[in-house]
N, C-alpha and C. Protein backbone atom coordinates (compact mmCIF):
# COMPACT_ATOMS: atom_id res chain seq x y z
N UNK A 1 -4.31 4.19 20.44
CA UNK A 1 -4.43 4.43 19.02
C UNK A 1 -3.39 3.59 18.28
N UNK A 2 -3.83 2.92 17.24
CA UNK A 2 -2.94 2.07 16.45
C UNK A 2 -2.15 2.93 15.47
N UNK A 3 -0.86 2.69 15.40
CA UNK A 3 0.00 3.45 14.50
C UNK A 3 0.07 2.77 13.13
N UNK A 4 0.47 3.52 12.10
CA UNK A 4 0.64 2.89 10.79
C UNK A 4 1.62 1.71 10.81
N UNK A 5 2.69 1.81 11.59
CA UNK A 5 3.64 0.69 11.64
C UNK A 5 3.00 -0.54 12.28
N UNK A 6 2.14 -0.33 13.28
CA UNK A 6 1.43 -1.47 13.89
C UNK A 6 0.45 -2.09 12.90
N UNK A 7 -0.24 -1.25 12.13
CA UNK A 7 -1.19 -1.77 11.14
C UNK A 7 -0.45 -2.59 10.06
N UNK A 8 0.69 -2.06 9.60
CA UNK A 8 1.46 -2.82 8.62
C UNK A 8 1.88 -4.17 9.19
N UNK A 9 2.33 -4.18 10.44
CA UNK A 9 2.74 -5.42 11.08
C UNK A 9 1.55 -6.38 11.19
N UNK A 10 0.40 -5.86 11.59
CA UNK A 10 -0.81 -6.70 11.70
C UNK A 10 -1.20 -7.29 10.35
N UNK A 11 -0.95 -6.55 9.28
CA UNK A 11 -1.27 -7.00 7.92
C UNK A 11 -0.19 -7.90 7.33
N UNK A 12 0.94 -8.02 8.04
CA UNK A 12 2.05 -8.83 7.53
C UNK A 12 2.77 -8.18 6.37
N UNK A 13 2.77 -6.84 6.36
CA UNK A 13 3.40 -6.10 5.27
C UNK A 13 4.65 -5.42 5.77
N UNK A 14 5.74 -5.59 5.03
CA UNK A 14 6.98 -4.85 5.30
C UNK A 14 7.16 -3.80 4.21
N UNK A 15 7.59 -2.61 4.62
CA UNK A 15 7.89 -1.59 3.62
C UNK A 15 9.10 -2.02 2.80
N UNK A 16 9.01 -1.89 1.49
CA UNK A 16 10.16 -2.23 0.65
C UNK A 16 11.20 -1.13 0.74
N UNK A 17 12.40 -1.40 0.25
CA UNK A 17 13.38 -0.30 0.13
C UNK A 17 12.82 0.75 -0.83
N UNK A 18 13.22 1.99 -0.64
CA UNK A 18 12.78 3.06 -1.54
C UNK A 18 13.35 2.78 -2.93
N UNK A 19 12.46 2.81 -3.91
CA UNK A 19 12.87 2.52 -5.28
C UNK A 19 13.81 3.61 -5.79
N UNK A 20 14.82 3.19 -6.51
CA UNK A 20 15.75 4.13 -7.12
C UNK A 20 15.04 4.85 -8.26
N UNK A 21 15.12 6.18 -8.30
CA UNK A 21 14.49 6.92 -9.40
C UNK A 21 15.03 6.48 -10.75
N UNK A 22 14.14 6.48 -11.76
CA UNK A 22 14.56 6.09 -13.10
C UNK A 22 14.94 7.30 -13.95
N UNK A 23 14.91 8.50 -13.36
CA UNK A 23 15.27 9.73 -14.08
C UNK A 23 15.74 10.76 -13.05
N UNK A 24 15.71 12.04 -13.41
CA UNK A 24 16.24 13.12 -12.57
C UNK A 24 15.17 13.69 -11.65
N UNK A 25 14.93 13.03 -10.52
CA UNK A 25 13.97 13.49 -9.51
C UNK A 25 14.25 12.77 -8.20
N UNK A 26 13.60 13.21 -7.14
CA UNK A 26 13.70 12.53 -5.85
C UNK A 26 12.39 11.75 -5.64
N UNK A 27 12.43 10.66 -4.89
CA UNK A 27 11.23 9.86 -4.67
C UNK A 27 10.12 10.57 -3.89
N UNK A 28 10.51 11.44 -2.93
CA UNK A 28 9.52 12.15 -2.11
C UNK A 28 10.17 13.35 -1.47
N UNK A 29 9.32 14.31 -1.10
CA UNK A 29 9.80 15.45 -0.33
C UNK A 29 8.73 15.94 0.62
N UNK A 30 9.18 16.63 1.65
CA UNK A 30 8.29 17.18 2.67
C UNK A 30 8.19 18.68 2.42
N UNK A 31 6.94 19.18 2.42
CA UNK A 31 6.70 20.60 2.23
C UNK A 31 5.49 21.01 3.05
N UNK A 32 5.68 21.87 4.05
CA UNK A 32 4.61 22.42 4.87
C UNK A 32 3.67 21.37 5.43
N UNK A 33 4.21 20.34 6.02
CA UNK A 33 3.39 19.33 6.68
C UNK A 33 2.77 18.31 5.75
N UNK A 34 3.17 18.32 4.50
CA UNK A 34 2.69 17.34 3.53
C UNK A 34 3.89 16.64 2.90
N UNK A 35 3.78 15.33 2.74
CA UNK A 35 4.79 14.59 2.01
C UNK A 35 4.20 14.26 0.65
N UNK A 36 4.89 14.65 -0.39
CA UNK A 36 4.45 14.37 -1.75
C UNK A 36 5.44 13.41 -2.40
N UNK A 37 4.90 12.41 -3.06
CA UNK A 37 5.79 11.46 -3.74
C UNK A 37 5.81 11.74 -5.23
N UNK A 38 6.92 11.39 -5.83
CA UNK A 38 6.98 11.32 -7.28
C UNK A 38 6.15 10.11 -7.70
N UNK A 39 5.85 10.02 -8.97
CA UNK A 39 5.14 8.84 -9.45
C UNK A 39 5.95 7.58 -9.14
N UNK A 40 5.27 6.61 -8.55
CA UNK A 40 5.93 5.35 -8.19
C UNK A 40 5.38 4.24 -9.06
N UNK A 41 6.29 3.44 -9.57
CA UNK A 41 5.93 2.31 -10.42
C UNK A 41 5.79 1.04 -9.57
N UNK A 42 5.16 0.02 -10.11
CA UNK A 42 5.01 -1.24 -9.36
C UNK A 42 6.27 -2.10 -9.46
N UNK A 43 7.30 -1.68 -8.73
CA UNK A 43 8.58 -2.38 -8.75
C UNK A 43 8.72 -3.27 -7.53
N UNK A 44 9.19 -4.47 -7.76
CA UNK A 44 9.57 -5.39 -6.68
C UNK A 44 10.94 -5.96 -7.06
N UNK A 45 11.91 -5.77 -6.19
CA UNK A 45 13.25 -6.27 -6.48
C UNK A 45 13.84 -5.73 -7.76
N UNK A 46 13.50 -4.49 -8.10
CA UNK A 46 14.04 -3.85 -9.28
C UNK A 46 13.34 -4.24 -10.58
N UNK A 47 12.27 -5.02 -10.50
CA UNK A 47 11.54 -5.46 -11.69
C UNK A 47 10.09 -4.99 -11.63
N UNK A 48 9.54 -4.61 -12.78
CA UNK A 48 8.12 -4.26 -12.85
C UNK A 48 7.27 -5.51 -12.66
N UNK A 49 6.18 -5.35 -11.90
CA UNK A 49 5.29 -6.49 -11.66
C UNK A 49 4.21 -6.61 -12.73
N UNK A 50 3.96 -5.58 -13.49
CA UNK A 50 2.91 -5.60 -14.51
C UNK A 50 3.29 -4.61 -15.61
N UNK A 51 3.32 -5.10 -16.85
CA UNK A 51 3.71 -4.22 -17.95
C UNK A 51 2.63 -4.20 -19.03
N UNK A 52 2.65 -3.13 -19.81
CA UNK A 52 1.77 -3.01 -20.95
C UNK A 52 0.44 -2.37 -20.62
N UNK A 53 -0.25 -2.01 -21.67
CA UNK A 53 -1.56 -1.37 -21.53
C UNK A 53 -2.59 -2.37 -21.03
N UNK A 54 -3.50 -1.87 -20.20
CA UNK A 54 -4.55 -2.69 -19.60
C UNK A 54 -5.76 -2.70 -20.52
N UNK A 55 -6.37 -3.85 -20.71
CA UNK A 55 -7.58 -3.95 -21.52
C UNK A 55 -7.56 -5.20 -22.38
N UNK A 56 -8.54 -5.30 -23.28
CA UNK A 56 -8.66 -6.46 -24.16
C UNK A 56 -7.34 -6.70 -24.89
N UNK A 57 -6.86 -7.93 -24.83
CA UNK A 57 -5.59 -8.34 -25.44
C UNK A 57 -4.40 -7.61 -24.83
N UNK A 58 -4.56 -7.06 -23.63
CA UNK A 58 -3.47 -6.38 -22.93
C UNK A 58 -3.31 -6.95 -21.53
N UNK A 59 -2.74 -6.17 -20.65
CA UNK A 59 -2.55 -6.59 -19.26
C UNK A 59 -3.90 -6.79 -18.59
N UNK A 60 -3.98 -7.77 -17.73
CA UNK A 60 -5.22 -8.10 -17.02
C UNK A 60 -5.53 -7.03 -15.97
N UNK A 61 -6.78 -6.56 -15.89
CA UNK A 61 -7.13 -5.53 -14.91
C UNK A 61 -6.85 -5.94 -13.45
N UNK A 62 -7.03 -7.20 -13.11
CA UNK A 62 -6.75 -7.64 -11.73
C UNK A 62 -5.26 -7.62 -11.45
N UNK A 63 -4.45 -7.99 -12.43
CA UNK A 63 -3.00 -7.89 -12.26
C UNK A 63 -2.59 -6.43 -12.11
N UNK A 64 -3.23 -5.54 -12.88
CA UNK A 64 -2.93 -4.11 -12.79
C UNK A 64 -3.36 -3.56 -11.42
N UNK A 65 -4.48 -4.05 -10.88
CA UNK A 65 -4.92 -3.63 -9.54
C UNK A 65 -3.88 -4.04 -8.49
N UNK A 66 -3.37 -5.26 -8.61
CA UNK A 66 -2.30 -5.71 -7.70
C UNK A 66 -1.06 -4.84 -7.87
N UNK A 67 -0.77 -4.45 -9.11
CA UNK A 67 0.39 -3.59 -9.38
C UNK A 67 0.19 -2.21 -8.77
N UNK A 68 -1.04 -1.71 -8.78
CA UNK A 68 -1.33 -0.41 -8.16
C UNK A 68 -1.08 -0.49 -6.65
N UNK A 69 -1.40 -1.61 -6.06
CA UNK A 69 -1.13 -1.80 -4.63
C UNK A 69 0.38 -1.79 -4.38
N UNK A 70 1.13 -2.45 -5.25
CA UNK A 70 2.59 -2.47 -5.13
C UNK A 70 3.16 -1.06 -5.28
N UNK A 71 2.68 -0.33 -6.28
CA UNK A 71 3.15 1.05 -6.48
C UNK A 71 2.80 1.92 -5.27
N UNK A 72 1.62 1.70 -4.69
CA UNK A 72 1.21 2.45 -3.50
C UNK A 72 2.10 2.13 -2.31
N UNK A 73 2.51 0.88 -2.18
CA UNK A 73 3.42 0.50 -1.10
C UNK A 73 4.78 1.16 -1.32
N UNK A 74 5.23 1.25 -2.57
CA UNK A 74 6.48 1.94 -2.87
C UNK A 74 6.38 3.43 -2.54
N UNK A 75 5.23 4.02 -2.83
CA UNK A 75 5.02 5.43 -2.47
C UNK A 75 5.04 5.61 -0.96
N UNK A 76 4.44 4.69 -0.24
CA UNK A 76 4.44 4.75 1.23
C UNK A 76 5.86 4.66 1.76
N UNK A 77 6.68 3.78 1.18
CA UNK A 77 8.08 3.66 1.61
C UNK A 77 8.83 4.96 1.36
N UNK A 78 8.63 5.56 0.19
CA UNK A 78 9.31 6.82 -0.13
C UNK A 78 8.87 7.93 0.83
N UNK A 79 7.57 8.01 1.10
CA UNK A 79 7.05 9.04 2.00
C UNK A 79 7.57 8.84 3.42
N UNK A 80 7.58 7.60 3.89
CA UNK A 80 8.06 7.31 5.24
C UNK A 80 9.53 7.69 5.37
N UNK A 81 10.31 7.42 4.35
CA UNK A 81 11.73 7.77 4.37
C UNK A 81 11.90 9.29 4.45
N UNK A 82 11.16 10.02 3.62
CA UNK A 82 11.28 11.48 3.61
C UNK A 82 10.79 12.10 4.91
N UNK A 83 9.77 11.50 5.53
CA UNK A 83 9.18 12.05 6.75
C UNK A 83 9.95 11.70 8.01
N UNK A 84 10.87 10.75 7.92
CA UNK A 84 11.61 10.33 9.11
C UNK A 84 10.94 9.17 9.82
N UNK A 85 10.11 8.43 9.13
CA UNK A 85 9.45 7.24 9.70
C UNK A 85 7.98 7.20 9.35
N UNK A 86 7.46 6.00 9.21
CA UNK A 86 6.06 5.86 8.80
C UNK A 86 5.10 6.41 9.84
N UNK A 87 5.46 6.37 11.11
CA UNK A 87 4.55 6.85 12.14
C UNK A 87 4.48 8.37 12.21
N UNK A 88 5.25 9.04 11.38
CA UNK A 88 5.13 10.50 11.24
C UNK A 88 4.08 10.87 10.20
N UNK A 89 3.55 9.86 9.50
CA UNK A 89 2.49 10.07 8.52
C UNK A 89 1.14 9.83 9.19
N UNK A 90 0.21 10.77 9.02
CA UNK A 90 -1.10 10.61 9.67
C UNK A 90 -2.19 10.13 8.72
N UNK A 91 -1.95 10.20 7.42
CA UNK A 91 -2.95 9.72 6.48
C UNK A 91 -2.64 10.15 5.07
N UNK A 92 -3.53 9.77 4.18
CA UNK A 92 -3.40 10.09 2.76
C UNK A 92 -4.36 11.22 2.44
N UNK A 93 -3.85 12.24 1.77
CA UNK A 93 -4.67 13.35 1.32
C UNK A 93 -5.22 13.05 -0.07
N UNK A 94 -4.31 12.72 -1.01
CA UNK A 94 -4.72 12.50 -2.39
C UNK A 94 -3.87 11.45 -3.06
N UNK A 95 -4.54 10.63 -3.87
CA UNK A 95 -3.88 9.66 -4.73
C UNK A 95 -4.19 10.04 -6.17
N UNK A 96 -3.14 10.09 -6.99
CA UNK A 96 -3.33 10.24 -8.42
C UNK A 96 -2.77 8.98 -9.05
N UNK A 97 -3.63 8.26 -9.74
CA UNK A 97 -3.22 7.01 -10.37
C UNK A 97 -3.33 7.09 -11.87
N UNK A 98 -2.30 6.61 -12.53
CA UNK A 98 -2.25 6.58 -13.99
C UNK A 98 -2.27 5.12 -14.43
N UNK A 99 -3.13 4.82 -15.40
CA UNK A 99 -3.25 3.46 -15.91
C UNK A 99 -2.98 3.48 -17.41
N UNK A 100 -1.97 2.77 -17.84
CA UNK A 100 -1.72 2.62 -19.26
C UNK A 100 -2.87 1.78 -19.80
N UNK A 101 -3.66 2.38 -20.69
CA UNK A 101 -4.94 1.77 -21.07
C UNK A 101 -5.09 1.57 -22.57
N UNK A 102 -5.65 0.43 -22.93
CA UNK A 102 -6.07 0.21 -24.31
C UNK A 102 -7.27 1.13 -24.57
N UNK A 103 -7.52 1.50 -25.82
CA UNK A 103 -8.63 2.42 -26.11
C UNK A 103 -10.00 1.90 -25.67
N UNK A 104 -10.14 0.58 -25.53
CA UNK A 104 -11.43 -0.01 -25.16
C UNK A 104 -11.54 -0.31 -23.67
N UNK A 105 -10.60 0.20 -22.85
CA UNK A 105 -10.62 -0.07 -21.41
C UNK A 105 -11.08 1.17 -20.66
N UNK A 106 -12.09 0.99 -19.80
CA UNK A 106 -12.67 2.10 -19.06
C UNK A 106 -12.70 1.84 -17.55
N UNK A 107 -11.92 0.90 -17.08
CA UNK A 107 -11.94 0.51 -15.67
C UNK A 107 -10.78 1.05 -14.86
N UNK A 108 -10.29 2.24 -15.18
CA UNK A 108 -9.15 2.82 -14.47
C UNK A 108 -9.42 2.94 -12.97
N UNK A 109 -10.62 3.34 -12.61
CA UNK A 109 -10.95 3.51 -11.19
C UNK A 109 -10.80 2.20 -10.42
N UNK A 110 -11.24 1.10 -11.01
CA UNK A 110 -11.10 -0.20 -10.36
C UNK A 110 -9.65 -0.61 -10.19
N UNK A 111 -8.81 -0.29 -11.16
CA UNK A 111 -7.39 -0.60 -11.06
C UNK A 111 -6.76 0.18 -9.91
N UNK A 112 -7.04 1.47 -9.82
CA UNK A 112 -6.43 2.31 -8.79
C UNK A 112 -7.00 2.01 -7.40
N UNK A 113 -8.11 1.28 -7.34
CA UNK A 113 -8.59 0.80 -6.04
C UNK A 113 -7.53 -0.02 -5.32
N UNK A 114 -6.62 -0.63 -6.07
CA UNK A 114 -5.54 -1.38 -5.43
C UNK A 114 -4.73 -0.50 -4.50
N UNK A 115 -4.49 0.75 -4.90
CA UNK A 115 -3.77 1.71 -4.05
C UNK A 115 -4.67 2.19 -2.91
N UNK A 116 -5.87 2.59 -3.25
CA UNK A 116 -6.78 3.15 -2.24
C UNK A 116 -7.11 2.15 -1.14
N UNK A 117 -7.31 0.90 -1.52
CA UNK A 117 -7.63 -0.12 -0.52
C UNK A 117 -6.46 -0.35 0.44
N UNK A 118 -5.23 -0.33 -0.08
CA UNK A 118 -4.06 -0.46 0.80
C UNK A 118 -4.03 0.67 1.81
N UNK A 119 -4.22 1.90 1.34
CA UNK A 119 -4.17 3.04 2.25
C UNK A 119 -5.31 3.01 3.26
N UNK A 120 -6.46 2.50 2.86
CA UNK A 120 -7.55 2.33 3.82
C UNK A 120 -7.18 1.35 4.92
N UNK A 121 -6.48 0.28 4.56
CA UNK A 121 -6.05 -0.71 5.55
C UNK A 121 -5.01 -0.13 6.50
N UNK A 122 -4.13 0.69 5.98
CA UNK A 122 -3.03 1.22 6.80
C UNK A 122 -3.47 2.42 7.64
N UNK A 123 -4.23 3.33 7.03
CA UNK A 123 -4.59 4.57 7.73
C UNK A 123 -6.05 4.62 8.18
N UNK A 124 -6.88 3.74 7.65
CA UNK A 124 -8.26 3.64 8.11
C UNK A 124 -9.14 4.82 7.73
N UNK A 125 -8.79 5.55 6.68
CA UNK A 125 -9.63 6.68 6.30
C UNK A 125 -9.70 6.80 4.79
N UNK A 126 -10.51 7.73 4.34
CA UNK A 126 -10.69 7.98 2.91
C UNK A 126 -9.78 9.12 2.47
N UNK A 127 -9.62 9.23 1.17
CA UNK A 127 -8.81 10.30 0.58
C UNK A 127 -9.45 10.72 -0.73
N UNK A 128 -8.98 11.83 -1.28
CA UNK A 128 -9.45 12.21 -2.61
C UNK A 128 -8.56 11.52 -3.63
N UNK A 129 -9.07 11.43 -4.89
CA UNK A 129 -8.33 10.61 -5.84
C UNK A 129 -8.71 10.94 -7.27
N UNK A 130 -7.75 10.74 -8.15
CA UNK A 130 -7.99 10.76 -9.59
C UNK A 130 -7.43 9.46 -10.16
N UNK A 131 -8.13 8.89 -11.13
CA UNK A 131 -7.67 7.71 -11.85
C UNK A 131 -7.73 8.06 -13.33
N UNK A 132 -6.57 8.09 -13.96
CA UNK A 132 -6.46 8.62 -15.31
C UNK A 132 -5.92 7.54 -16.26
N UNK A 133 -6.56 7.39 -17.40
CA UNK A 133 -6.05 6.50 -18.43
C UNK A 133 -5.08 7.24 -19.33
N UNK A 134 -3.94 6.61 -19.61
CA UNK A 134 -2.92 7.21 -20.48
C UNK A 134 -2.45 6.18 -21.50
N UNK A 135 -1.82 6.67 -22.56
CA UNK A 135 -1.37 5.79 -23.64
C UNK A 135 -0.19 4.91 -23.24
N UNK A 136 0.75 5.48 -22.48
CA UNK A 136 1.94 4.73 -22.11
C UNK A 136 2.54 5.36 -20.85
N UNK A 137 3.25 4.54 -20.08
CA UNK A 137 3.92 5.00 -18.86
C UNK A 137 5.40 4.64 -18.94
N UNK A 138 6.24 5.25 -18.08
CA UNK A 138 7.67 4.93 -18.10
C UNK A 138 7.93 3.43 -17.98
N UNK A 139 8.90 2.96 -18.72
CA UNK A 139 9.35 1.57 -18.73
C UNK A 139 8.25 0.59 -19.16
N UNK A 140 7.19 1.10 -19.76
CA UNK A 140 6.03 0.30 -20.19
C UNK A 140 5.26 -0.26 -19.00
N UNK A 141 5.33 0.41 -17.85
CA UNK A 141 4.56 -0.01 -16.67
C UNK A 141 3.07 0.11 -16.96
N UNK A 142 2.29 -0.74 -16.32
CA UNK A 142 0.84 -0.68 -16.47
C UNK A 142 0.22 0.41 -15.61
N UNK A 143 0.85 0.70 -14.47
CA UNK A 143 0.31 1.71 -13.56
C UNK A 143 1.44 2.56 -12.97
N UNK A 144 1.06 3.75 -12.52
CA UNK A 144 1.95 4.64 -11.79
C UNK A 144 1.07 5.37 -10.78
N UNK A 145 1.59 5.55 -9.56
CA UNK A 145 0.82 6.18 -8.49
C UNK A 145 1.66 7.28 -7.85
N UNK A 146 1.06 8.46 -7.68
CA UNK A 146 1.70 9.50 -6.87
C UNK A 146 0.73 9.88 -5.77
N UNK A 147 1.30 10.23 -4.61
CA UNK A 147 0.48 10.37 -3.40
C UNK A 147 0.91 11.58 -2.59
N UNK A 148 -0.06 12.20 -1.94
CA UNK A 148 0.19 13.25 -0.94
C UNK A 148 -0.26 12.71 0.41
N UNK A 149 0.67 12.71 1.36
CA UNK A 149 0.40 12.25 2.72
C UNK A 149 0.42 13.45 3.67
N UNK A 150 -0.42 13.43 4.69
CA UNK A 150 -0.34 14.44 5.75
C UNK A 150 0.57 13.90 6.85
N UNK A 151 1.21 14.84 7.56
CA UNK A 151 2.11 14.46 8.64
C UNK A 151 1.44 14.70 9.99
N UNK A 152 1.82 13.90 10.96
CA UNK A 152 1.24 13.97 12.29
C UNK A 152 1.39 15.34 12.91
N UNK A 153 2.58 15.90 12.83
CA UNK A 153 2.85 17.15 13.53
C UNK A 153 2.82 18.38 12.64
N UNK A 154 2.40 18.23 11.39
CA UNK A 154 2.37 19.39 10.49
C UNK A 154 3.72 20.06 10.37
N UNK A 155 4.77 19.26 10.24
CA UNK A 155 6.15 19.76 10.24
C UNK A 155 6.33 20.98 9.35
N UNK A 156 7.25 21.82 9.76
CA UNK A 156 7.56 23.02 8.98
C UNK A 156 8.20 22.63 7.66
N UNK A 157 8.19 23.57 6.73
CA UNK A 157 8.71 23.31 5.40
C UNK A 157 10.15 22.86 5.43
N UNK A 158 10.41 21.73 4.82
CA UNK A 158 11.77 21.24 4.64
C UNK A 158 11.73 20.24 3.51
N UNK A 159 12.83 20.05 2.87
CA UNK A 159 12.90 19.11 1.77
C UNK A 159 13.98 18.10 2.08
N UNK A 160 13.63 16.81 1.88
CA UNK A 160 14.60 15.75 2.08
C UNK A 160 14.51 14.80 0.89
N UNK A 161 15.65 14.33 0.50
CA UNK A 161 15.65 13.27 -0.49
C UNK A 161 15.48 11.97 0.23
N UNK A 162 14.60 11.12 -0.30
CA UNK A 162 14.38 9.81 0.33
C UNK A 162 15.50 8.87 -0.03
């Protein structure tokens, strides 16, 4: 059986460092065999990869989809840290994606596919999901992703800061 770390290696993907929270929260915690992440922004090297509302005269939907993938990778890093390693994660239960959207933009689901497609590559399965359009996100990010991961061993309730 291929592990998540092997799949990441095969894909040429390295987990980034866990992003520093921009407010008063922890990046992820473990509770009753589930790792839940706080909303993760598309940060690379401390900088947002896509800013502003998506839609006509706004951020490009394809750029926002790439940003959703980046945010999903940041969520995976936070979850792996909280769980004690990526191979302690068995899959994705739910993705909630937020897209800062212009009033004339209705493609939120396509943007959040950036996150879902990454998780399909890493875990090879489907998950439940919501893709929500919002007026604005923290730091003027175009997307934000929060995720619930299942753990391999259904670990007992414990909380760890990532």
